[in-house]
């Protein structure tokens, strides 16, 4: 049987792919698809140093995407980037003020806001 192993966890995806995985089902990729695609392609091509630098730069965002239930942080971030309208409707709610601050700080650290 042919099959591939995909990570479902952004913060650990680098090590997962280094251990033989072939990709990631990503939450962070909803916010920065170009950076996640670049990172994954570089890593799969064996460009470890450059891919590690991109991954490390995105780590605050990886972690911030899980401060509240998915997809709340991603939708909030996409709204701040003017990619979508508010986008959060019941039963989801806006992230807490603390979560908003953490997501915003992560976006700033990753130079996307």
PDB file of N, CA and C in Angstrom:
ATOM      1  N   UNK A   1       0.848  -1.180   0.000  1.00  0.00           N
ATOM      2  CA  UNK A   1       0.000   0.000   0.000  1.00  0.00           C
ATOM      3  C   UNK A   1       0.892   1.241   0.000  1.00  0.00           C
ATOM      4  N   UNK A   2       0.644   2.133  -0.917  1.00  0.00           N
ATOM      5  CA  UNK A   2       1.379   3.402  -0.936  1.00  0.00           C
ATOM      6  C   UNK A   2       0.616   4.432  -0.121  1.00  0.00           C
ATOM      7  N   UNK A   3       1.326   5.098   0.738  1.00  0.00           N
ATOM      8  CA  UNK A   3       0.730   6.180   1.511  1.00  0.00           C
ATOM      9  C   UNK A   3       1.833   7.127   1.944  1.00  0.00           C
ATOM     10  N   UNK A   4       1.443   8.321   2.354  1.00  0.00           N
ATOM     11  CA  UNK A   4       2.428   9.286   2.838  1.00  0.00           C
ATOM     12  C   UNK A   4       2.036   9.734   4.237  1.00  0.00           C
ATOM     13  N   UNK A   5       3.025  10.160   4.989  1.00  0.00           N
ATOM     14  CA  UNK A   5       2.805  10.641   6.346  1.00  0.00           C
ATOM     15  C   UNK A   5       2.837  12.163   6.336  1.00  0.00           C
ATOM     16  N   UNK A   6       1.784  12.766   6.861  1.00  0.00           N
ATOM     17  CA  UNK A   6       1.672  14.213   6.958  1.00  0.00           C
ATOM     18  C   UNK A   6       1.540  14.599   8.423  1.00  0.00           C
ATOM     19  N   UNK A   7       2.177  15.681   8.789  1.00  0.00           N
ATOM     20  CA  UNK A   7       2.031  16.218  10.134  1.00  0.00           C
ATOM     21  C   UNK A   7       0.726  16.992  10.205  1.00  0.00           C
ATOM     22  N   UNK A   8       0.128  17.021  11.358  1.00  0.00           N
ATOM     23  CA  UNK A   8      -1.054  17.841  11.595  1.00  0.00           C
ATOM     24  C   UNK A   8      -0.788  18.870  12.672  1.00  0.00           C
ATOM     25  N   UNK A   9       0.492  19.123  12.954  1.00  0.00           N
ATOM     26  CA  UNK A   9       0.866  20.005  14.056  1.00  0.00           C
ATOM     27  C   UNK A   9       2.004  20.921  13.608  1.00  0.00           C
ATOM     28  N   UNK A  10       1.682  22.186  13.367  1.00  0.00           N
ATOM     29  CA  UNK A  10       2.673  23.131  12.855  1.00  0.00           C
ATOM     30  C   UNK A  10       3.944  23.227  13.703  1.00  0.00           C
ATOM     31  N   UNK A  11       3.850  23.374  15.030  1.00  0.00           N
ATOM     32  CA  UNK A  11       5.085  23.560  15.808  1.00  0.00           C
ATOM     33  C   UNK A  11       6.065  22.392  15.739  1.00  0.00           C
ATOM     34  N   UNK A  12       5.596  21.200  15.434  1.00  0.00           N
ATOM     35  CA  UNK A  12       6.490  20.043  15.390  1.00  0.00           C
ATOM     36  C   UNK A  12       6.716  19.531  13.964  1.00  0.00           C
ATOM     37  N   UNK A  13       6.216  20.236  12.969  1.00  0.00           N
ATOM     38  CA  UNK A  13       6.276  19.765  11.578  1.00  0.00           C
ATOM     39  C   UNK A  13       7.704  19.655  11.059  1.00  0.00           C
ATOM     40  N   UNK A  14       8.592  20.554  11.464  1.00  0.00           N
ATOM     41  CA  UNK A  14       9.969  20.494  10.975  1.00  0.00           C
ATOM     42  C   UNK A  14      10.599  19.148  11.332  1.00  0.00           C
ATOM     43  N   UNK A  15      10.548  18.777  12.591  1.00  0.00           N
ATOM     44  CA  UNK A  15      11.142  17.510  13.032  1.00  0.00           C
ATOM     45  C   UNK A  15      10.417  16.323  12.418  1.00  0.00           C
ATOM     46  N   UNK A  16       9.114  16.456  12.241  1.00  0.00           N
ATOM     47  CA  UNK A  16       8.337  15.377  11.633  1.00  0.00           C
ATOM     48  C   UNK A  16       8.829  15.100  10.222  1.00  0.00           C
ATOM     49  N   UNK A  17       8.992  16.160   9.423  1.00  0.00           N
ATOM     50  CA  UNK A  17       9.463  15.982   8.053  1.00  0.00           C
ATOM     51  C   UNK A  17      10.911  15.495   8.047  1.00  0.00           C
ATOM     52  N   UNK A  18      11.721  15.996   8.958  1.00  0.00           N
ATOM     53  CA  UNK A  18      13.107  15.522   9.056  1.00  0.00           C
ATOM     54  C   UNK A  18      13.160  14.034   9.389  1.00  0.00           C
ATOM     55  N   UNK A  19      12.111  13.517  10.007  1.00  0.00           N
ATOM     56  CA  UNK A  19      12.064  12.099  10.376  1.00  0.00           C
ATOM     57  C   UNK A  19      11.389  11.232   9.313  1.00  0.00           C
ATOM     58  N   UNK A  20      11.075  11.831   8.155  1.00  0.00           N
ATOM     59  CA  UNK A  20      10.523  11.038   7.066  1.00  0.00           C
ATOM     60  C   UNK A  20       9.144  11.434   6.596  1.00  0.00           C
ATOM     61  N   UNK A  21       8.486  12.355   7.283  1.00  0.00           N
ATOM     62  CA  UNK A  21       7.189  12.833   6.818  1.00  0.00           C
ATOM     63  C   UNK A  21       7.346  13.596   5.511  1.00  0.00           C
ATOM     64  N   UNK A  22       6.256  13.779   4.798  1.00  0.00           N
ATOM     65  CA  UNK A  22       6.343  14.425   3.492  1.00  0.00           C
ATOM     66  C   UNK A  22       5.589  15.750   3.412  1.00  0.00           C
ATOM     67  N   UNK A  23       5.035  16.221   4.514  1.00  0.00           N
ATOM     68  CA  UNK A  23       4.326  17.495   4.480  1.00  0.00           C
ATOM     69  C   UNK A  23       3.558  17.727   5.753  1.00  0.00           C
ATOM     70  N   UNK A  24       2.757  18.792   5.711  1.00  0.00           N
ATOM     71  CA  UNK A  24       2.004  19.186   6.886  1.00  0.00           C
ATOM     72  C   UNK A  24       0.634  19.711   6.471  1.00  0.00           C
ATOM     73  N   UNK A  25      -0.372  19.303   7.215  1.00  0.00           N
ATOM     74  CA  UNK A  25      -1.691  19.901   7.108  1.00  0.00           C
ATOM     75  C   UNK A  25      -1.639  21.045   8.119  1.00  0.00           C
ATOM     76  N   UNK A  26      -1.594  22.267   7.626  1.00  0.00           N
ATOM     77  CA  UNK A  26      -1.183  23.396   8.437  1.00  0.00           C
ATOM     78  C   UNK A  26      -2.282  24.395   8.731  1.00  0.00           C
ATOM     79  N   UNK A  27      -2.275  24.918   9.937  1.00  0.00           N
ATOM     80  CA  UNK A  27      -3.131  26.045  10.297  1.00  0.00           C
ATOM     81  C   UNK A  27      -2.416  27.346   9.940  1.00  0.00           C
ATOM     82  N   UNK A  28      -1.137  27.421  10.269  1.00  0.00           N
ATOM     83  CA  UNK A  28      -0.337  28.612   9.971  1.00  0.00           C
ATOM     84  C   UNK A  28      -0.381  28.936   8.481  1.00  0.00           C
ATOM     85  N   UNK A  29      -0.440  27.912   7.651  1.00  0.00           N
ATOM     86  CA  UNK A  29      -0.480  28.104   6.211  1.00  0.00           C
ATOM     87  C   UNK A  29      -1.692  28.855   5.720  1.00  0.00           C
ATOM     88  N   UNK A  30      -2.739  28.918   6.513  1.00  0.00           N
ATOM     89  CA  UNK A  30      -3.898  29.737   6.151  1.00  0.00           C
ATOM     90  C   UNK A  30      -3.561  31.216   6.228  1.00  0.00           C
ATOM     91  N   UNK A  31      -2.655  31.570   7.121  1.00  0.00           N
ATOM     92  CA  UNK A  31      -2.282  32.968   7.345  1.00  0.00           C
ATOM     93  C   UNK A  31      -1.111  33.373   6.457  1.00  0.00           C
ATOM     94  N   UNK A  32      -0.117  32.508   6.326  1.00  0.00           N
ATOM     95  CA  UNK A  32       1.069  32.799   5.506  1.00  0.00           C
ATOM     96  C   UNK A  32       1.347  31.624   4.559  1.00  0.00           C
ATOM     97  N   UNK A  33       0.463  31.415   3.588  1.00  0.00           N
ATOM     98  CA  UNK A  33       0.639  30.252   2.714  1.00  0.00           C
ATOM     99  C   UNK A  33       1.952  30.273   1.936  1.00  0.00           C
ATOM    100  N   UNK A  34       2.380  31.453   1.519  1.00  0.00           N
ATOM    101  CA  UNK A  34       3.628  31.538   0.746  1.00  0.00           C
ATOM    102  C   UNK A  34       4.829  31.121   1.584  1.00  0.00           C
ATOM    103  N   UNK A  35       4.889  31.581   2.820  1.00  0.00           N
ATOM    104  CA  UNK A  35       6.022  31.237   3.685  1.00  0.00           C
ATOM    105  C   UNK A  35       6.012  29.756   4.068  1.00  0.00           C
ATOM    106  N   UNK A  36       4.840  29.218   4.338  1.00  0.00           N
ATOM    107  CA  UNK A  36       4.764  27.796   4.698  1.00  0.00           C
ATOM    108  C   UNK A  36       5.115  26.913   3.505  1.00  0.00           C
ATOM    109  N   UNK A  37       4.666  27.287   2.323  1.00  0.00           N
ATOM    110  CA  UNK A  37       4.995  26.528   1.120  1.00  0.00           C
ATOM    111  C   UNK A  37       6.493  26.588   0.849  1.00  0.00           C
ATOM    112  N   UNK A  38       7.065  27.774   0.959  1.00  0.00           N
ATOM    113  CA  UNK A  38       8.504  27.940   0.741  1.00  0.00           C
ATOM    114  C   UNK A  38       9.289  27.095   1.738  1.00  0.00           C
ATOM    115  N   UNK A  39       8.905  27.177   3.011  1.00  0.00           N
ATOM    116  CA  UNK A  39       9.589  26.408   4.048  1.00  0.00           C
ATOM    117  C   UNK A  39       9.533  24.907   3.753  1.00  0.00           C
ATOM    118  N   UNK A  40       8.356  24.405   3.468  1.00  0.00           N
ATOM    119  CA  UNK A  40       8.177  22.974   3.244  1.00  0.00           C
ATOM    120  C   UNK A  40       8.951  22.515   2.011  1.00  0.00           C
ATOM    121  N   UNK A  41       8.862  23.264   0.931  1.00  0.00           N
ATOM    122  CA  UNK A  41       9.583  22.889  -0.290  1.00  0.00           C
ATOM    123  C   UNK A  41      11.094  22.881  -0.070  1.00  0.00           C
ATOM    124  N   UNK A  42      11.608  23.892   0.614  1.00  0.00           N
ATOM    125  CA  UNK A  42      13.045  23.938   0.888  1.00  0.00           C
ATOM    126  C   UNK A  42      13.488  22.730   1.716  1.00  0.00           C
ATOM    127  N   UNK A  43      12.710  22.409   2.717  1.00  0.00           N
ATOM    128  CA  UNK A  43      13.068  21.279   3.573  1.00  0.00           C
ATOM    129  C   UNK A  43      13.045  19.967   2.785  1.00  0.00           C
ATOM    130  N   UNK A  44      12.016  19.775   1.982  1.00  0.00           N
ATOM    131  CA  UNK A  44      11.924  18.549   1.187  1.00  0.00           C
ATOM    132  C   UNK A  44      13.025  18.462   0.133  1.00  0.00           C
ATOM    133  N   UNK A  45      13.562  19.624  -0.279  1.00  0.00           N
ATOM    134  CA  UNK A  45      14.677  19.652  -1.239  1.00  0.00           C
ATOM    135  C   UNK A  45      16.030  19.506  -0.547  1.00  0.00           C
ATOM    136  N   UNK A  46      16.020  19.401   0.782  1.00  0.00           N
ATOM    137  CA  UNK A  46      17.262  19.218   1.520  1.00  0.00           C
ATOM    138  C   UNK A  46      17.956  20.507   1.921  1.00  0.00           C
ATOM    139  N   UNK A  47      17.313  21.632   1.738  1.00  0.00           N
ATOM    140  CA  UNK A  47      17.881  22.932   2.109  1.00  0.00           C
ATOM    141  C   UNK A  47      17.576  23.204   3.588  1.00  0.00           C
ATOM    142  N   UNK A  48      18.274  22.493   4.451  1.00  0.00           N
ATOM    143  CA  UNK A  48      17.965  22.522   5.887  1.00  0.00           C
ATOM    144  C   UNK A  48      18.194  23.877   6.534  1.00  0.00           C
ATOM    145  N   UNK A  49      19.290  24.534   6.232  1.00  0.00           N
ATOM    146  CA  UNK A  49      19.616  25.797   6.913  1.00  0.00           C
ATOM    147  C   UNK A  49      18.577  26.863   6.597  1.00  0.00           C
ATOM    148  N   UNK A  50      18.292  27.031   5.308  1.00  0.00           N
ATOM    149  CA  UNK A  50      17.323  28.054   4.914  1.00  0.00           C
ATOM    150  C   UNK A  50      15.911  27.710   5.399  1.00  0.00           C
ATOM    151  N   UNK A  51      15.535  26.451   5.320  1.00  0.00           N
ATOM    152  CA  UNK A  51      14.203  26.061   5.784  1.00  0.00           C
ATOM    153  C   UNK A  51      14.085  26.215   7.296  1.00  0.00           C
ATOM    154  N   UNK A  52      15.133  25.885   8.035  1.00  0.00           N
ATOM    155  CA  UNK A  52      15.121  26.036   9.495  1.00  0.00           C
ATOM    156  C   UNK A  52      14.949  27.499   9.879  1.00  0.00           C
ATOM    157  N   UNK A  53      15.599  28.410   9.150  1.00  0.00           N
ATOM    158  CA  UNK A  53      15.481  29.841   9.447  1.00  0.00           C
ATOM    159  C   UNK A  53      14.037  30.317   9.257  1.00  0.00           C
ATOM    160  N   UNK A  54      13.393  29.882   8.180  1.00  0.00           N
ATOM    161  CA  UNK A  54      11.997  30.268   7.945  1.00  0.00           C
ATOM    162  C   UNK A  54      11.109  29.681   9.032  1.00  0.00           C
ATOM    163  N   UNK A  55      11.322  28.405   9.335  1.00  0.00           N
ATOM    164  CA  UNK A  55      10.508  27.731  10.349  1.00  0.00           C
ATOM    165  C   UNK A  55      10.657  28.407  11.710  1.00  0.00           C
ATOM    166  N   UNK A  56      11.889  28.699  12.096  1.00  0.00           N
ATOM    167  CA  UNK A  56      12.133  29.354  13.384  1.00  0.00           C
ATOM    168  C   UNK A  56      11.473  30.727  13.433  1.00  0.00           C
ATOM    169  N   UNK A  57      11.516  31.460  12.324  1.00  0.00           N
ATOM    170  CA  UNK A  57      10.871  32.770  12.265  1.00  0.00           C
ATOM    171  C   UNK A  57       9.362  32.649  12.440  1.00  0.00           C
ATOM    172  N   UNK A  58       8.775  31.569  11.967  1.00  0.00           N
ATOM    173  CA  UNK A  58       7.329  31.378  12.053  1.00  0.00           C
ATOM    174  C   UNK A  58       6.865  30.750  13.365  1.00  0.00           C
ATOM    175  N   UNK A  59       7.797  30.293  14.201  1.00  0.00           N
ATOM    176  CA  UNK A  59       7.400  29.592  15.428  1.00  0.00           C
ATOM    177  C   UNK A  59       6.431  30.395  16.311  1.00  0.00           C
ATOM    178  N   UNK A  60       6.630  31.704  16.520  1.00  0.00           N
ATOM    179  CA  UNK A  60       5.640  32.422  17.326  1.00  0.00           C
ATOM    180  C   UNK A  60       4.231  32.345  16.727  1.00  0.00           C
ATOM    181  N   UNK A  61       4.143  32.378  15.412  1.00  0.00           N
ATOM    182  CA  UNK A  61       2.842  32.295  14.756  1.00  0.00           C
ATOM    183  C   UNK A  61       2.268  30.883  14.863  1.00  0.00           C
ATOM    184  N   UNK A  62       3.127  29.856  14.683  1.00  0.00           N
ATOM    185  CA  UNK A  62       2.666  28.469  14.862  1.00  0.00           C
ATOM    186  C   UNK A  62       1.999  28.326  16.231  1.00  0.00           C
ATOM    187  N   UNK A  63       2.681  28.814  17.245  1.00  0.00           N
ATOM    188  CA  UNK A  63       2.170  28.663  18.607  1.00  0.00           C
ATOM    189  C   UNK A  63       0.923  29.500  18.843  1.00  0.00           C
ATOM    190  N   UNK A  64       0.889  30.710  18.285  1.00  0.00           N
ATOM    191  CA  UNK A  64      -0.260  31.598  18.478  1.00  0.00           C
ATOM    192  C   UNK A  64      -1.522  31.057  17.818  1.00  0.00           C
ATOM    193  N   UNK A  65      -1.378  30.264  16.785  1.00  0.00           N
ATOM    194  CA  UNK A  65      -2.551  29.724  16.095  1.00  0.00           C
ATOM    195  C   UNK A  65      -3.317  28.717  16.938  1.00  0.00           C
ATOM    196  N   UNK A  66      -2.732  28.344  18.084  1.00  0.00           N
ATOM    197  CA  UNK A  66      -3.390  27.359  18.941  1.00  0.00           C
ATOM    198  C   UNK A  66      -3.681  27.897  20.344  1.00  0.00           C
ATOM    199  N   UNK A  67      -3.689  29.235  20.507  1.00  0.00           N
ATOM    200  CA  UNK A  67      -3.996  29.788  21.825  1.00  0.00           C
ATOM    201  C   UNK A  67      -5.475  29.630  22.158  1.00  0.00           C
ATOM    202  N   UNK A  68      -6.301  29.479  21.137  1.00  0.00           N
ATOM    203  CA  UNK A  68      -7.717  29.165  21.308  1.00  0.00           C
ATOM    204  C   UNK A  68      -8.086  28.147  20.242  1.00  0.00           C
ATOM    205  N   UNK A  69      -9.297  27.656  20.307  1.00  0.00           N
ATOM    206  CA  UNK A  69      -9.724  26.606  19.374  1.00  0.00           C
ATOM    207  C   UNK A  69      -9.601  27.050  17.922  1.00  0.00           C
ATOM    208  N   UNK A  70      -9.072  26.158  17.107  1.00  0.00           N
ATOM    209  CA  UNK A  70      -8.998  26.364  15.670  1.00  0.00           C
ATOM    210  C   UNK A  70     -10.425  26.380  15.119  1.00  0.00           C
ATOM    211  N   UNK A  71     -10.787  27.287  14.259  1.00  0.00           N
ATOM    212  CA  UNK A  71     -10.014  28.233  13.475  1.00  0.00           C
ATOM    213  C   UNK A  71     -10.051  29.663  13.986  1.00  0.00           C
ATOM    214  N   UNK A  72     -10.401  29.863  15.260  1.00  0.00           N
ATOM    215  CA  UNK A  72     -10.566  31.225  15.778  1.00  0.00           C
ATOM    216  C   UNK A  72      -9.312  32.077  15.581  1.00  0.00           C
ATOM    217  N   UNK A  73      -8.116  31.655  16.023  1.00  0.00           N
ATOM    218  CA  UNK A  73      -6.937  32.512  15.841  1.00  0.00           C
ATOM    219  C   UNK A  73      -6.616  32.798  14.377  1.00  0.00           C
ATOM    220  N   UNK A  74      -6.750  31.793  13.525  1.00  0.00           N
ATOM    221  CA  UNK A  74      -6.438  31.993  12.103  1.00  0.00           C
ATOM    222  C   UNK A  74      -7.411  32.982  11.472  1.00  0.00           C
ATOM    223  N   UNK A  75      -8.679  32.863  11.771  1.00  0.00           N
ATOM    224  CA  UNK A  75      -9.663  33.794  11.213  1.00  0.00           C
ATOM    225  C   UNK A  75      -9.416  35.212  11.722  1.00  0.00           C
ATOM    226  N   UNK A  76      -9.067  35.344  12.987  1.00  0.00           N
ATOM    227  CA  UNK A  76      -8.788  36.668  13.539  1.00  0.00           C
ATOM    228  C   UNK A  76      -7.570  37.277  12.841  1.00  0.00           C
ATOM    229  N   UNK A  77      -6.521  36.483  12.660  1.00  0.00           N
ATOM    230  CA  UNK A  77      -5.304  36.966  11.993  1.00  0.00           C
ATOM    231  C   UNK A  77      -5.598  37.352  10.544  1.00  0.00           C
ATOM    232  N   UNK A  78      -6.356  36.537   9.831  1.00  0.00           N
ATOM    233  CA  UNK A  78      -6.697  36.850   8.442  1.00  0.00           C
ATOM    234  C   UNK A  78      -7.502  38.139   8.337  1.00  0.00           C
ATOM    235  N   UNK A  79      -8.366  38.377   9.309  1.00  0.00           N
ATOM    236  CA  UNK A  79      -9.115  39.632   9.331  1.00  0.00           C
ATOM    237  C   UNK A  79      -8.174  40.811   9.543  1.00  0.00           C
ATOM    238  N   UNK A  80      -7.199  40.678  10.427  1.00  0.00           N
ATOM    239  CA  UNK A  80      -6.241  41.756  10.677  1.00  0.00           C
ATOM    240  C   UNK A  80      -5.377  42.034   9.451  1.00  0.00           C
ATOM    241  N   UNK A  81      -5.179  41.032   8.605  1.00  0.00           N
ATOM    242  CA  UNK A  81      -4.412  41.204   7.372  1.00  0.00           C
ATOM    243  C   UNK A  81      -5.307  41.658   6.216  1.00  0.00           C
ATOM    244  N   UNK A  82      -6.579  41.909   6.516  1.00  0.00           N
ATOM    245  CA  UNK A  82      -7.576  42.342   5.519  1.00  0.00           C
ATOM    246  C   UNK A  82      -7.772  41.290   4.421  1.00  0.00           C
ATOM    247  N   UNK A  83      -7.605  40.025   4.776  1.00  0.00           N
ATOM    248  CA  UNK A  83      -7.817  38.937   3.821  1.00  0.00           C
ATOM    249  C   UNK A  83      -9.258  38.439   3.847  1.00  0.00           C
ATOM    250  N   UNK A  84      -9.906  38.580   5.003  1.00  0.00           N
ATOM    251  CA  UNK A  84     -11.310  38.187   5.142  1.00  0.00           C
ATOM    252  C   UNK A  84     -12.021  39.218   6.009  1.00  0.00           C
ATOM    253  N   UNK A  85     -13.353  39.224   5.895  1.00  0.00           N
ATOM    254  CA  UNK A  85     -14.134  40.043   6.819  1.00  0.00           C
ATOM    255  C   UNK A  85     -14.089  39.353   8.170  1.00  0.00           C
ATOM    256  N   UNK A  86     -14.808  39.860   9.127  1.00  0.00           N
ATOM    257  CA  UNK A  86     -14.749  39.333  10.482  1.00  0.00           C
ATOM    258  C   UNK A  86     -14.665  37.814  10.506  1.00  0.00           C
ATOM    259  N   UNK A  87     -15.513  37.148   9.752  1.00  0.00           N
ATOM    260  CA  UNK A  87     -15.363  35.716   9.546  1.00  0.00           C
ATOM    261  C   UNK A  87     -15.668  34.823  10.727  1.00  0.00           C
ATOM    262  N   UNK A  88     -15.957  35.374  11.873  1.00  0.00           N
ATOM    263  CA  UNK A  88     -16.224  34.537  13.040  1.00  0.00           C
ATOM    264  C   UNK A  88     -17.703  34.654  13.371  1.00  0.00           C
ATOM    265  N   UNK A  89     -18.373  33.516  13.318  1.00  0.00           N
ATOM    266  CA  UNK A  89     -19.804  33.495  13.635  1.00  0.00           C
ATOM    267  C   UNK A  89     -20.063  32.349  14.602  1.00  0.00           C
ATOM    268  N   UNK A  90     -21.155  32.434  15.291  1.00  0.00           N
ATOM    269  CA  UNK A  90     -21.510  31.410  16.264  1.00  0.00           C
ATOM    270  C   UNK A  90     -21.530  30.038  15.602  1.00  0.00           C
ATOM    271  N   UNK A  91     -21.089  29.023  16.281  1.00  0.00           N
ATOM    272  CA  UNK A  91     -20.795  28.966  17.707  1.00  0.00           C
ATOM    273  C   UNK A  91     -19.402  29.464  18.074  1.00  0.00           C
ATOM    274  N   UNK A  92     -18.597  29.895  17.086  1.00  0.00           N
ATOM    275  CA  UNK A  92     -17.294  30.467  17.407  1.00  0.00           C
ATOM    276  C   UNK A  92     -17.477  31.874  17.943  1.00  0.00           C
ATOM    277  N   UNK A  93     -16.495  32.341  18.679  1.00  0.00           N
ATOM    278  CA  UNK A  93     -16.514  33.704  19.202  1.00  0.00           C
ATOM    279  C   UNK A  93     -15.174  34.365  18.901  1.00  0.00           C
ATOM    280  N   UNK A  94     -15.105  35.654  19.091  1.00  0.00           N
ATOM    281  CA  UNK A  94     -13.842  36.368  18.941  1.00  0.00           C
ATOM    282  C   UNK A  94     -12.856  35.825  19.982  1.00  0.00           C
ATOM    283  N   UNK A  95     -11.574  35.836  19.669  1.00  0.00           N
ATOM    284  CA  UNK A  95     -10.603  35.416  20.685  1.00  0.00           C
ATOM    285  C   UNK A  95     -10.613  36.383  21.864  1.00  0.00           C
ATOM    286  N   UNK A  96     -10.236  35.893  22.998  1.00  0.00           N
ATOM    287  CA  UNK A  96     -10.136  36.752  24.182  1.00  0.00           C
ATOM    288  C   UNK A  96      -9.134  37.869  23.911  1.00  0.00           C
ATOM    289  N   UNK A  97      -9.187  38.919  24.687  1.00  0.00           N
ATOM    290  CA  UNK A  97      -8.260  40.042  24.520  1.00  0.00           C
ATOM    291  C   UNK A  97      -6.812  39.549  24.656  1.00  0.00           C
ATOM    292  N   UNK A  98      -6.567  38.696  25.623  1.00  0.00           N
ATOM    293  CA  UNK A  98      -5.214  38.155  25.802  1.00  0.00           C
ATOM    294  C   UNK A  98      -4.756  37.369  24.587  1.00  0.00           C
ATOM    295  N   UNK A  99      -5.650  36.566  24.026  1.00  0.00           N
ATOM    296  CA  UNK A  99      -5.298  35.792  22.831  1.00  0.00           C
ATOM    297  C   UNK A  99      -5.066  36.723  21.643  1.00  0.00           C
ATOM    298  N   UNK A 100      -5.889  37.751  21.511  1.00  0.00           N
ATOM    299  CA  UNK A 100      -5.695  38.726  20.429  1.00  0.00           C
ATOM    300  C   UNK A 100      -4.323  39.377  20.529  1.00  0.00           C
ATOM    301  N   UNK A 101      -3.940  39.747  21.738  1.00  0.00           N
ATOM    302  CA  UNK A 101      -2.634  40.377  21.939  1.00  0.00           C
ATOM    303  C   UNK A 101      -1.501  39.415  21.583  1.00  0.00           C
ATOM    304  N   UNK A 102      -1.661  38.156  21.958  1.00  0.00           N
ATOM    305  CA  UNK A 102      -0.620  37.168  21.662  1.00  0.00           C
ATOM    306  C   UNK A 102      -0.513  36.920  20.150  1.00  0.00           C
ATOM    307  N   UNK A 103      -1.649  36.818  19.474  1.00  0.00           N
ATOM    308  CA  UNK A 103      -1.637  36.606  18.026  1.00  0.00           C
ATOM    309  C   UNK A 103      -1.021  37.811  17.326  1.00  0.00           C
ATOM    310  N   UNK A 104      -1.421  39.000  17.743  1.00  0.00           N
ATOM    311  CA  UNK A 104      -0.884  40.226  17.140  1.00  0.00           C
ATOM    312  C   UNK A 104       0.629  40.314  17.351  1.00  0.00           C
ATOM    313  N   UNK A 105       1.084  40.009  18.550  1.00  0.00           N
ATOM    314  CA  UNK A 105       2.520  40.038  18.856  1.00  0.00           C
ATOM    315  C   UNK A 105       3.282  39.029  17.980  1.00  0.00           C
ATOM    316  N   UNK A 106       2.698  37.844  17.802  1.00  0.00           N
ATOM    317  CA  UNK A 106       3.327  36.827  16.963  1.00  0.00           C
ATOM    318  C   UNK A 106       3.389  37.293  15.510  1.00  0.00           C
ATOM    319  N   UNK A 107       2.332  37.921  15.039  1.00  0.00           N
ATOM    320  CA  UNK A 107       2.320  38.431  13.665  1.00  0.00           C
ATOM    321  C   UNK A 107       3.375  39.495  13.484  1.00  0.00           C
ATOM    322  N   UNK A 108       3.563  40.320  14.489  1.00  0.00           N
ATOM    323  CA  UNK A 108       4.603  41.349  14.424  1.00  0.00           C
ATOM    324  C   UNK A 108       5.996  40.722  14.446  1.00  0.00           C
ATOM    325  N   UNK A 109       6.199  39.721  15.302  1.00  0.00           N
ATOM    326  CA  UNK A 109       7.489  39.042  15.375  1.00  0.00           C
ATOM    327  C   UNK A 109       7.845  38.376  14.048  1.00  0.00           C
ATOM    328  N   UNK A 110       6.838  37.921  13.321  1.00  0.00           N
ATOM    329  CA  UNK A 110       7.052  37.251  12.033  1.00  0.00           C
ATOM    330  C   UNK A 110       7.037  38.243  10.868  1.00  0.00           C
ATOM    331  N   UNK A 111       6.925  39.522  11.194  1.00  0.00           N
ATOM    332  CA  UNK A 111       6.949  40.595  10.187  1.00  0.00           C
ATOM    333  C   UNK A 111       5.838  40.479   9.150  1.00  0.00           C
ATOM    334  N   UNK A 112       4.652  40.074   9.615  1.00  0.00           N
ATOM    335  CA  UNK A 112       3.524  40.037   8.689  1.00  0.00           C
ATOM    336  C   UNK A 112       2.461  41.063   9.049  1.00  0.00           C
ATOM    337  N   UNK A 113       2.694  41.812  10.106  1.00  0.00           N
ATOM    338  CA  UNK A 113       1.753  42.852  10.512  1.00  0.00           C
ATOM    339  C   UNK A 113       2.527  44.107  10.854  1.00  0.00           C
TER     340      UNK A 113
END
